[in-house]
Amino acid sequence: MNEVIEKEKIKIENLVYNIRGQQVMLDSDLAKLYGTETKKNK
């Protein structure tokens, strides 16, 4: 996982948002970190 972060130069701290007192990450950001796609509801 460290390799993915270093290659993409993504800082996880910048992807964490505080919403109503909870720390959350967007599914699109998680998908980028793990090298997958997000699912879309039809």
C-alpha atoms as a PDB file:
ATOM      1  CA  MET A   1       0.000   0.000   0.000  1.00  0.00           C
ATOM      2  CA  ASN A   2       2.874   2.372   0.697  1.00  0.00           C
ATOM      3  CA  GLU A   3       4.022   1.901  -2.890  1.00  0.00           C
ATOM      4  CA  VAL A   4       0.659   3.043  -4.242  1.00  0.00           C
ATOM      5  CA  ILE A   5       0.684   6.132  -2.050  1.00  0.00           C
ATOM      6  CA  GLU A   6       4.252   7.026  -2.981  1.00  0.00           C
ATOM      7  CA  LYS A   7       3.678   6.473  -6.697  1.00  0.00           C
ATOM      8  CA  GLU A   8       0.511   8.522  -6.779  1.00  0.00           C
ATOM      9  CA  LYS A   9       1.880  11.028  -4.244  1.00  0.00           C
ATOM     10  CA  ILE A  10      -1.437  10.907  -2.446  1.00  0.00           C
ATOM     11  CA  LYS A  11      -1.476  11.982   1.166  1.00  0.00           C
ATOM     12  CA  ILE A  12      -4.189  10.218   3.099  1.00  0.00           C
ATOM     13  CA  GLU A  13      -4.462  13.137   5.497  1.00  0.00           C
ATOM     14  CA  ASN A  14      -5.726  15.274   2.609  1.00  0.00           C
ATOM     15  CA  LEU A  15      -8.427  12.723   1.763  1.00  0.00           C
ATOM     16  CA  VAL A  16     -10.039  12.601   5.218  1.00  0.00           C
ATOM     17  CA  TYR A  17     -12.944  14.964   5.778  1.00  0.00           C
ATOM     18  CA  ASN A  18     -14.685  15.905   9.016  1.00  0.00           C
ATOM     19  CA  ILE A  19     -18.446  15.808   8.600  1.00  0.00           C
ATOM     20  CA  ARG A  20     -20.638  16.368  11.642  1.00  0.00           C
ATOM     21  CA  GLY A  21     -17.794  15.346  13.925  1.00  0.00           C
ATOM     22  CA  GLN A  22     -17.010  12.125  12.034  1.00  0.00           C
ATOM     23  CA  GLN A  23     -13.920  11.445   9.975  1.00  0.00           C
ATOM     24  CA  VAL A  24     -14.897  10.114   6.552  1.00  0.00           C
ATOM     25  CA  MET A  25     -13.324   9.318   3.188  1.00  0.00           C
ATOM     26  CA  LEU A  26     -15.043   9.425  -0.177  1.00  0.00           C
ATOM     27  CA  ASP A  27     -15.505   6.141  -1.997  1.00  0.00           C
ATOM     28  CA  SER A  28     -13.791   7.562  -5.074  1.00  0.00           C
ATOM     29  CA  ASP A  29     -10.686   8.406  -3.019  1.00  0.00           C
ATOM     30  CA  LEU A  30     -10.635   4.919  -1.497  1.00  0.00           C
ATOM     31  CA  ALA A  31     -10.975   3.379  -4.951  1.00  0.00           C
ATOM     32  CA  LYS A  32      -7.937   5.343  -6.135  1.00  0.00           C
ATOM     33  CA  LEU A  33      -5.895   4.169  -3.157  1.00  0.00           C
ATOM     34  CA  TYR A  34      -6.790   0.520  -3.736  1.00  0.00           C
ATOM     35  CA  GLY A  35      -6.658   0.659  -7.528  1.00  0.00           C
ATOM     36  CA  THR A  36     -10.302  -0.280  -8.075  1.00  0.00           C
ATOM     37  CA  GLU A  37     -13.401   1.357  -9.511  1.00  0.00           C
ATOM     38  CA  THR A  38     -16.449   2.617  -7.689  1.00  0.00           C
ATOM     39  CA  LYS A  39     -19.827   1.043  -8.317  1.00  0.00           C
ATOM     40  CA  LYS A  40     -22.637   3.182  -9.647  1.00  0.00           C
ATOM     41  CA  ASN A  41     -26.275   2.574  -8.798  1.00  0.00           C
ATOM     42  CA  LYS A  42     -28.543   2.488 -11.824  1.00  0.00           C
END
